[in-house]
Amino acid sequence: MDKFNQIFSLIVGEKKFQIIKFLCENADEDGFISLTILQICDQTNSSKPTVINTIKLLEQKSILKRIKNGLYKIII
């Protein structure tokens, strides 16, 4: 893991870092992510509260927008 990823992981926490990285890697070319919270939990081996808190954090920072259940858009 490079220094930037190590620092970012320390700031937000390892699990949140993994979830954010997973969301970025699974967004299409327009920034859409078509995954439910349970799918994100399963694929990142994370708890539902951790995934929900991470999504809320990204929404509060105007990085992610929930279009509808199972569809999100990275807006930065």
PDB file of N, CA and C in Angstrom:
ATOM      1  N   MET A   1       0.856  -1.176   0.000  1.00  0.00           N
ATOM      2  CA  MET A   1       0.000   0.000   0.000  1.00  0.00           C
ATOM      3  C   MET A   1       0.900   1.236   0.000  1.00  0.00           C
ATOM      4  N   ASP A   2       0.632   2.171  -0.897  1.00  0.00           N
ATOM      5  CA  ASP A   2       1.461   3.364  -0.967  1.00  0.00           C
ATOM      6  C   ASP A   2       1.157   4.303   0.195  1.00  0.00           C
ATOM      7  N   LYS A   3       1.997   5.310   0.358  1.00  0.00           N
ATOM      8  CA  LYS A   3       1.877   6.222   1.507  1.00  0.00           C
ATOM      9  C   LYS A   3       0.523   6.929   1.537  1.00  0.00           C
ATOM     10  N   PHE A   4       0.028   7.395   0.384  1.00  0.00           N
ATOM     11  CA  PHE A   4      -1.258   8.088   0.349  1.00  0.00           C
ATOM     12  C   PHE A   4      -2.355   7.173   0.882  1.00  0.00           C
ATOM     13  N   ASN A   5      -2.416   5.948   0.396  1.00  0.00           N
ATOM     14  CA  ASN A   5      -3.440   5.003   0.846  1.00  0.00           C
ATOM     15  C   ASN A   5      -3.300   4.690   2.330  1.00  0.00           C
ATOM     16  N   GLN A   6      -2.072   4.583   2.814  1.00  0.00           N
ATOM     17  CA  GLN A   6      -1.852   4.335   4.238  1.00  0.00           C
ATOM     18  C   GLN A   6      -2.378   5.497   5.079  1.00  0.00           C
ATOM     19  N   ILE A   7      -2.077   6.713   4.670  1.00  0.00           N
ATOM     20  CA  ILE A   7      -2.523   7.897   5.403  1.00  0.00           C
ATOM     21  C   ILE A   7      -4.039   7.998   5.359  1.00  0.00           C
ATOM     22  N   PHE A   8      -4.623   7.822   4.184  1.00  0.00           N
ATOM     23  CA  PHE A   8      -6.083   7.898   4.032  1.00  0.00           C
ATOM     24  C   PHE A   8      -6.759   6.832   4.880  1.00  0.00           C
ATOM     25  N   SER A   9      -6.204   5.647   4.895  1.00  0.00           N
ATOM     26  CA  SER A   9      -6.742   4.543   5.690  1.00  0.00           C
ATOM     27  C   SER A   9      -6.698   4.863   7.183  1.00  0.00           C
ATOM     28  N   LEU A  10      -5.628   5.491   7.624  1.00  0.00           N
ATOM     29  CA  LEU A  10      -5.514   5.868   9.032  1.00  0.00           C
ATOM     30  C   LEU A  10      -6.517   6.958   9.405  1.00  0.00           C
ATOM     31  N   ILE A  11      -6.808   7.857   8.478  1.00  0.00           N
ATOM     32  CA  ILE A  11      -7.732   8.961   8.750  1.00  0.00           C
ATOM     33  C   ILE A  11      -9.169   8.452   8.853  1.00  0.00           C
ATOM     34  N   VAL A  12      -9.621   7.671   7.882  1.00  0.00           N
ATOM     35  CA  VAL A  12     -11.028   7.247   7.852  1.00  0.00           C
ATOM     36  C   VAL A  12     -11.256   5.873   8.466  1.00  0.00           C
ATOM     37  N   GLY A  13     -10.216   5.114   8.678  1.00  0.00           N
ATOM     38  CA  GLY A  13     -10.347   3.754   9.191  1.00  0.00           C
ATOM     39  C   GLY A  13     -10.212   2.754   8.055  1.00  0.00           C
ATOM     40  N   GLU A  14      -9.648   1.618   8.369  1.00  0.00           N
ATOM     41  CA  GLU A  14      -9.346   0.602   7.347  1.00  0.00           C
ATOM     42  C   GLU A  14     -10.592   0.115   6.615  1.00  0.00           C
ATOM     43  N   LYS A  15     -11.670  -0.182   7.346  1.00  0.00           N
ATOM     44  CA  LYS A  15     -12.887  -0.702   6.703  1.00  0.00           C
ATOM     45  C   LYS A  15     -13.517   0.346   5.795  1.00  0.00           C
ATOM     46  N   LYS A  16     -13.634   1.582   6.282  1.00  0.00           N
ATOM     47  CA  LYS A  16     -14.216   2.640   5.448  1.00  0.00           C
ATOM     48  C   LYS A  16     -13.358   2.866   4.213  1.00  0.00           C
ATOM     49  N   PHE A  17     -12.042   2.809   4.380  1.00  0.00           N
ATOM     50  CA  PHE A  17     -11.142   2.948   3.243  1.00  0.00           C
ATOM     51  C   PHE A  17     -11.404   1.856   2.211  1.00  0.00           C
ATOM     52  N   GLN A  18     -11.554   0.610   2.673  1.00  0.00           N
ATOM     53  CA  GLN A  18     -11.810  -0.508   1.764  1.00  0.00           C
ATOM     54  C   GLN A  18     -13.145  -0.327   1.033  1.00  0.00           C
ATOM     55  N   ILE A  19     -14.149   0.156   1.750  1.00  0.00           N
ATOM     56  CA  ILE A  19     -15.462   0.365   1.134  1.00  0.00           C
ATOM     57  C   ILE A  19     -15.395   1.478   0.099  1.00  0.00           C
ATOM     58  N   ILE A  20     -14.745   2.586   0.420  1.00  0.00           N
ATOM     59  CA  ILE A  20     -14.615   3.699  -0.525  1.00  0.00           C
ATOM     60  C   ILE A  20     -13.851   3.250  -1.767  1.00  0.00           C
ATOM     61  N   LYS A  21     -12.779   2.524  -1.559  1.00  0.00           N
ATOM     62  CA  LYS A  21     -11.995   2.007  -2.690  1.00  0.00           C
ATOM     63  C   LYS A  21     -12.851   1.075  -3.545  1.00  0.00           C
ATOM     64  N   PHE A  22     -13.609   0.194  -2.907  1.00  0.00           N
ATOM     65  CA  PHE A  22     -14.484  -0.733  -3.620  1.00  0.00           C
ATOM     66  C   PHE A  22     -15.519   0.035  -4.448  1.00  0.00           C
ATOM     67  N   LEU A  23     -16.128   1.067  -3.861  1.00  0.00           N
ATOM     68  CA  LEU A  23     -17.128   1.850  -4.587  1.00  0.00           C
ATOM     69  C   LEU A  23     -16.505   2.524  -5.813  1.00  0.00           C
ATOM     70  N   CYS A  24     -15.321   3.088  -5.636  1.00  0.00           N
ATOM     71  CA  CYS A  24     -14.639   3.739  -6.764  1.00  0.00           C
ATOM     72  C   CYS A  24     -14.306   2.741  -7.868  1.00  0.00           C
ATOM     73  N   GLU A  25     -13.856   1.572  -7.476  1.00  0.00           N
ATOM     74  CA  GLU A  25     -13.485   0.542  -8.455  1.00  0.00           C
ATOM     75  C   GLU A  25     -14.701  -0.033  -9.180  1.00  0.00           C
ATOM     76  N   ASN A  26     -15.886   0.053  -8.567  1.00  0.00           N
ATOM     77  CA  ASN A  26     -17.080  -0.536  -9.161  1.00  0.00           C
ATOM     78  C   ASN A  26     -18.018   0.484  -9.779  1.00  0.00           C
ATOM     79  N   ALA A  27     -17.590   1.725  -9.850  1.00  0.00           N
ATOM     80  CA  ALA A  27     -18.379   2.751 -10.529  1.00  0.00           C
ATOM     81  C   ALA A  27     -18.152   2.623 -12.033  1.00  0.00           C
ATOM     82  N   ASP A  28     -19.211   2.880 -12.813  1.00  0.00           N
ATOM     83  CA  ASP A  28     -19.027   2.864 -14.261  1.00  0.00           C
ATOM     84  C   ASP A  28     -18.365   4.171 -14.703  1.00  0.00           C
ATOM     85  N   GLU A  29     -18.185   4.343 -16.004  1.00  0.00           N
ATOM     86  CA  GLU A  29     -17.478   5.519 -16.521  1.00  0.00           C
ATOM     87  C   GLU A  29     -18.202   6.823 -16.221  1.00  0.00           C
ATOM     88  N   ASP A  30     -19.488   6.769 -15.909  1.00  0.00           N
ATOM     89  CA  ASP A  30     -20.255   7.964 -15.556  1.00  0.00           C
ATOM     90  C   ASP A  30     -20.373   8.150 -14.044  1.00  0.00           C
ATOM     91  N   GLY A  31     -19.753   7.276 -13.272  1.00  0.00           N
ATOM     92  CA  GLY A  31     -19.758   7.392 -11.821  1.00  0.00           C
ATOM     93  C   GLY A  31     -20.902   6.677 -11.134  1.00  0.00           C
ATOM     94  N   PHE A  32     -21.694   5.905 -11.872  1.00  0.00           N
ATOM     95  CA  PHE A  32     -22.819   5.192 -11.271  1.00  0.00           C
ATOM     96  C   PHE A  32     -22.358   3.871 -10.660  1.00  0.00           C
ATOM     97  N   ILE A  33     -22.924   3.559  -9.499  1.00  0.00           N
ATOM     98  CA  ILE A  33     -22.643   2.316  -8.798  1.00  0.00           C
ATOM     99  C   ILE A  33     -23.984   1.625  -8.586  1.00  0.00           C
ATOM    100  N   SER A  34     -24.123   0.451  -9.150  1.00  0.00           N
ATOM    101  CA  SER A  34     -25.384  -0.277  -9.064  1.00  0.00           C
ATOM    102  C   SER A  34     -25.211  -1.484  -8.141  1.00  0.00           C
ATOM    103  N   LEU A  35     -25.214  -1.218  -6.841  1.00  0.00           N
ATOM    104  CA  LEU A  35     -25.056  -2.257  -5.831  1.00  0.00           C
ATOM    105  C   LEU A  35     -25.913  -1.908  -4.622  1.00  0.00           C
ATOM    106  N   THR A  36     -26.533  -2.900  -4.020  1.00  0.00           N
ATOM    107  CA  THR A  36     -27.278  -2.664  -2.793  1.00  0.00           C
ATOM    108  C   THR A  36     -26.309  -2.634  -1.610  1.00  0.00           C
ATOM    109  N   ILE A  37     -26.787  -2.148  -0.490  1.00  0.00           N
ATOM    110  CA  ILE A  37     -25.959  -2.125   0.715  1.00  0.00           C
ATOM    111  C   ILE A  37     -25.538  -3.539   1.090  1.00  0.00           C
ATOM    112  N   LEU A  38     -26.459  -4.497   0.979  1.00  0.00           N
ATOM    113  CA  LEU A  38     -26.106  -5.881   1.316  1.00  0.00           C
ATOM    114  C   LEU A  38     -25.052  -6.450   0.376  1.00  0.00           C
ATOM    115  N   GLN A  39     -25.108  -6.093  -0.900  1.00  0.00           N
ATOM    116  CA  GLN A  39     -24.081  -6.544  -1.844  1.00  0.00           C
ATOM    117  C   GLN A  39     -22.723  -5.943  -1.484  1.00  0.00           C
ATOM    118  N   ILE A  40     -22.727  -4.671  -1.104  1.00  0.00           N
ATOM    119  CA  ILE A  40     -21.473  -4.022  -0.689  1.00  0.00           C
ATOM    120  C   ILE A  40     -20.936  -4.702   0.562  1.00  0.00           C
ATOM    121  N   CYS A  41     -21.827  -5.003   1.511  1.00  0.00           N
ATOM    122  CA  CYS A  41     -21.424  -5.722   2.732  1.00  0.00           C
ATOM    123  C   CYS A  41     -20.761  -7.049   2.380  1.00  0.00           C
ATOM    124  N   ASP A  42     -21.421  -7.826   1.543  1.00  0.00           N
ATOM    125  CA  ASP A  42     -20.909  -9.146   1.171  1.00  0.00           C
ATOM    126  C   ASP A  42     -19.564  -9.053   0.459  1.00  0.00           C
ATOM    127  N   GLN A  43     -19.463  -8.132  -0.473  1.00  0.00           N
ATOM    128  CA  GLN A  43     -18.262  -8.072  -1.310  1.00  0.00           C
ATOM    129  C   GLN A  43     -17.076  -7.405  -0.612  1.00  0.00           C
ATOM    130  N   THR A  44     -17.337  -6.637   0.436  1.00  0.00           N
ATOM    131  CA  THR A  44     -16.233  -6.010   1.178  1.00  0.00           C
ATOM    132  C   THR A  44     -16.022  -6.650   2.545  1.00  0.00           C
ATOM    133  N   ASN A  45     -16.843  -7.655   2.850  1.00  0.00           N
ATOM    134  CA  ASN A  45     -16.774  -8.327   4.148  1.00  0.00           C
ATOM    135  C   ASN A  45     -16.904  -7.307   5.281  1.00  0.00           C
ATOM    136  N   SER A  46     -17.896  -6.425   5.145  1.00  0.00           N
ATOM    137  CA  SER A  46     -18.129  -5.356   6.116  1.00  0.00           C
ATOM    138  C   SER A  46     -19.522  -5.486   6.705  1.00  0.00           C
ATOM    139  N   SER A  47     -19.696  -4.918   7.884  1.00  0.00           N
ATOM    140  CA  SER A  47     -21.011  -4.944   8.515  1.00  0.00           C
ATOM    141  C   SER A  47     -21.916  -3.900   7.864  1.00  0.00           C
ATOM    142  N   LYS A  48     -23.217  -4.125   8.002  1.00  0.00           N
ATOM    143  CA  LYS A  48     -24.197  -3.194   7.441  1.00  0.00           C
ATOM    144  C   LYS A  48     -24.052  -1.796   8.048  1.00  0.00           C
ATOM    145  N   PRO A  49     -23.889  -1.653   9.369  1.00  0.00           N
ATOM    146  CA  PRO A  49     -23.713  -0.308   9.918  1.00  0.00           C
ATOM    147  C   PRO A  49     -22.472   0.411   9.379  1.00  0.00           C
ATOM    148  N   THR A  50     -21.390  -0.332   9.159  1.00  0.00           N
ATOM    149  CA  THR A  50     -20.173   0.288   8.626  1.00  0.00           C
ATOM    150  C   THR A  50     -20.396   0.787   7.207  1.00  0.00           C
ATOM    151  N   VAL A  51     -21.066  -0.007   6.378  1.00  0.00           N
ATOM    152  CA  VAL A  51     -21.352   0.406   5.001  1.00  0.00           C
ATOM    153  C   VAL A  51     -22.272   1.623   5.002  1.00  0.00           C
ATOM    154  N   ILE A  52     -23.310   1.585   5.816  1.00  0.00           N
ATOM    155  CA  ILE A  52     -24.255   2.710   5.871  1.00  0.00           C
ATOM    156  C   ILE A  52     -23.549   3.973   6.352  1.00  0.00           C
ATOM    157  N   ASN A  53     -22.720   3.863   7.389  1.00  0.00           N
ATOM    158  CA  ASN A  53     -21.988   5.024   7.889  1.00  0.00           C
ATOM    159  C   ASN A  53     -21.027   5.581   6.846  1.00  0.00           C
ATOM    160  N   THR A  54     -20.397   4.708   6.083  1.00  0.00           N
ATOM    161  CA  THR A  54     -19.475   5.154   5.034  1.00  0.00           C
ATOM    162  C   THR A  54     -20.235   5.886   3.939  1.00  0.00           C
ATOM    163  N   ILE A  55     -21.364   5.342   3.529  1.00  0.00           N
ATOM    164  CA  ILE A  55     -22.181   5.995   2.502  1.00  0.00           C
ATOM    165  C   ILE A  55     -22.684   7.347   3.011  1.00  0.00           C
ATOM    166  N   LYS A  56     -23.124   7.409   4.253  1.00  0.00           N
ATOM    167  CA  LYS A  56     -23.579   8.680   4.824  1.00  0.00           C
ATOM    168  C   LYS A  56     -22.451   9.708   4.864  1.00  0.00           C
ATOM    169  N   LEU A  57     -21.255   9.267   5.220  1.00  0.00           N
ATOM    170  CA  LEU A  57     -20.098  10.159   5.238  1.00  0.00           C
ATOM    171  C   LEU A  57     -19.850  10.742   3.842  1.00  0.00           C
ATOM    172  N   LEU A  58     -19.891   9.887   2.830  1.00  0.00           N
ATOM    173  CA  LEU A  58     -19.667  10.344   1.457  1.00  0.00           C
ATOM    174  C   LEU A  58     -20.790  11.276   0.991  1.00  0.00           C
ATOM    175  N   GLU A  59     -22.008  11.012   1.423  1.00  0.00           N
ATOM    176  CA  GLU A  59     -23.129  11.890   1.073  1.00  0.00           C
ATOM    177  C   GLU A  59     -22.986  13.252   1.763  1.00  0.00           C
ATOM    178  N   GLN A  60     -22.586  13.260   3.029  1.00  0.00           N
ATOM    179  CA  GLN A  60     -22.402  14.513   3.767  1.00  0.00           C
ATOM    180  C   GLN A  60     -21.317  15.381   3.144  1.00  0.00           C
ATOM    181  N   LYS A  61     -20.311  14.757   2.582  1.00  0.00           N
ATOM    182  CA  LYS A  61     -19.202  15.476   1.947  1.00  0.00           C
ATOM    183  C   LYS A  61     -19.482  15.775   0.480  1.00  0.00           C
ATOM    184  N   SER A  62     -20.699  15.506   0.023  1.00  0.00           N
ATOM    185  CA  SER A  62     -21.117  15.734  -1.372  1.00  0.00           C
ATOM    186  C   SER A  62     -20.216  15.011  -2.369  1.00  0.00           C
ATOM    187  N   ILE A  63     -19.872  13.785  -2.025  1.00  0.00           N
ATOM    188  CA  ILE A  63     -19.060  12.937  -2.904  1.00  0.00           C
ATOM    189  C   ILE A  63     -19.927  11.893  -3.584  1.00  0.00           C
ATOM    190  N   LEU A  64     -20.942  11.447  -2.887  1.00  0.00           N
ATOM    191  CA  LEU A  64     -21.804  10.376  -3.362  1.00  0.00           C
ATOM    192  C   LEU A  64     -23.254  10.809  -3.208  1.00  0.00           C
ATOM    193  N   LYS A  65     -24.081  10.432  -4.179  1.00  0.00           N
ATOM    194  CA  LYS A  65     -25.509  10.728  -4.108  1.00  0.00           C
ATOM    195  C   LYS A  65     -26.289   9.436  -4.319  1.00  0.00           C
ATOM    196  N   ARG A  66     -27.271   9.203  -3.446  1.00  0.00           N
ATOM    197  CA  ARG A  66     -28.144   8.043  -3.625  1.00  0.00           C
ATOM    198  C   ARG A  66     -29.237   8.439  -4.603  1.00  0.00           C
ATOM    199  N   ILE A  67     -29.299   7.738  -5.719  1.00  0.00           N
ATOM    200  CA  ILE A  67     -30.326   7.976  -6.729  1.00  0.00           C
ATOM    201  C   ILE A  67     -31.601   7.243  -6.308  1.00  0.00           C
ATOM    202  N   LYS A  68     -31.451   5.989  -5.968  1.00  0.00           N
ATOM    203  CA  LYS A  68     -32.524   5.151  -5.425  1.00  0.00           C
ATOM    204  C   LYS A  68     -31.841   3.970  -4.765  1.00  0.00           C
ATOM    205  N   ASN A  69     -32.600   3.137  -4.074  1.00  0.00           N
ATOM    206  CA  ASN A  69     -32.004   1.971  -3.434  1.00  0.00           C
ATOM    207  C   ASN A  69     -31.236   1.138  -4.462  1.00  0.00           C
ATOM    208  N   GLY A  70     -29.972   0.895  -4.170  1.00  0.00           N
ATOM    209  CA  GLY A  70     -29.143   0.089  -5.068  1.00  0.00           C
ATOM    210  C   GLY A  70     -28.514   0.864  -6.213  1.00  0.00           C
ATOM    211  N   LEU A  71     -28.696   2.191  -6.242  1.00  0.00           N
ATOM    212  CA  LEU A  71     -28.082   2.994  -7.299  1.00  0.00           C
ATOM    213  C   LEU A  71     -27.546   4.286  -6.691  1.00  0.00           C
ATOM    214  N   TYR A  72     -26.238   4.457  -6.835  1.00  0.00           N
ATOM    215  CA  TYR A  72     -25.544   5.624  -6.302  1.00  0.00           C
ATOM    216  C   TYR A  72     -24.735   6.255  -7.433  1.00  0.00           C
ATOM    217  N   LYS A  73     -24.363   7.511  -7.224  1.00  0.00           N
ATOM    218  CA  LYS A  73     -23.522   8.206  -8.210  1.00  0.00           C
ATOM    219  C   LYS A  73     -22.430   8.976  -7.493  1.00  0.00           C
ATOM    220  N   ILE A  74     -21.216   8.770  -7.934  1.00  0.00           N
ATOM    221  CA  ILE A  74     -20.087   9.580  -7.446  1.00  0.00           C
ATOM    222  C   ILE A  74     -20.187  10.908  -8.175  1.00  0.00           C
ATOM    223  N   ILE A  75     -20.254  12.004  -7.415  1.00  0.00           N
ATOM    224  CA  ILE A  75     -20.546  13.299  -8.038  1.00  0.00           C
ATOM    225  C   ILE A  75     -19.396  14.288  -7.984  1.00  0.00           C
ATOM    226  N   ILE A  76     -18.207  13.811  -7.696  1.00  0.00           N
ATOM    227  CA  ILE A  76     -17.063  14.726  -7.734  1.00  0.00           C
ATOM    228  C   ILE A  76     -16.292  14.537  -9.001  1.00  0.00           C
TER     229      ILE A  76
END
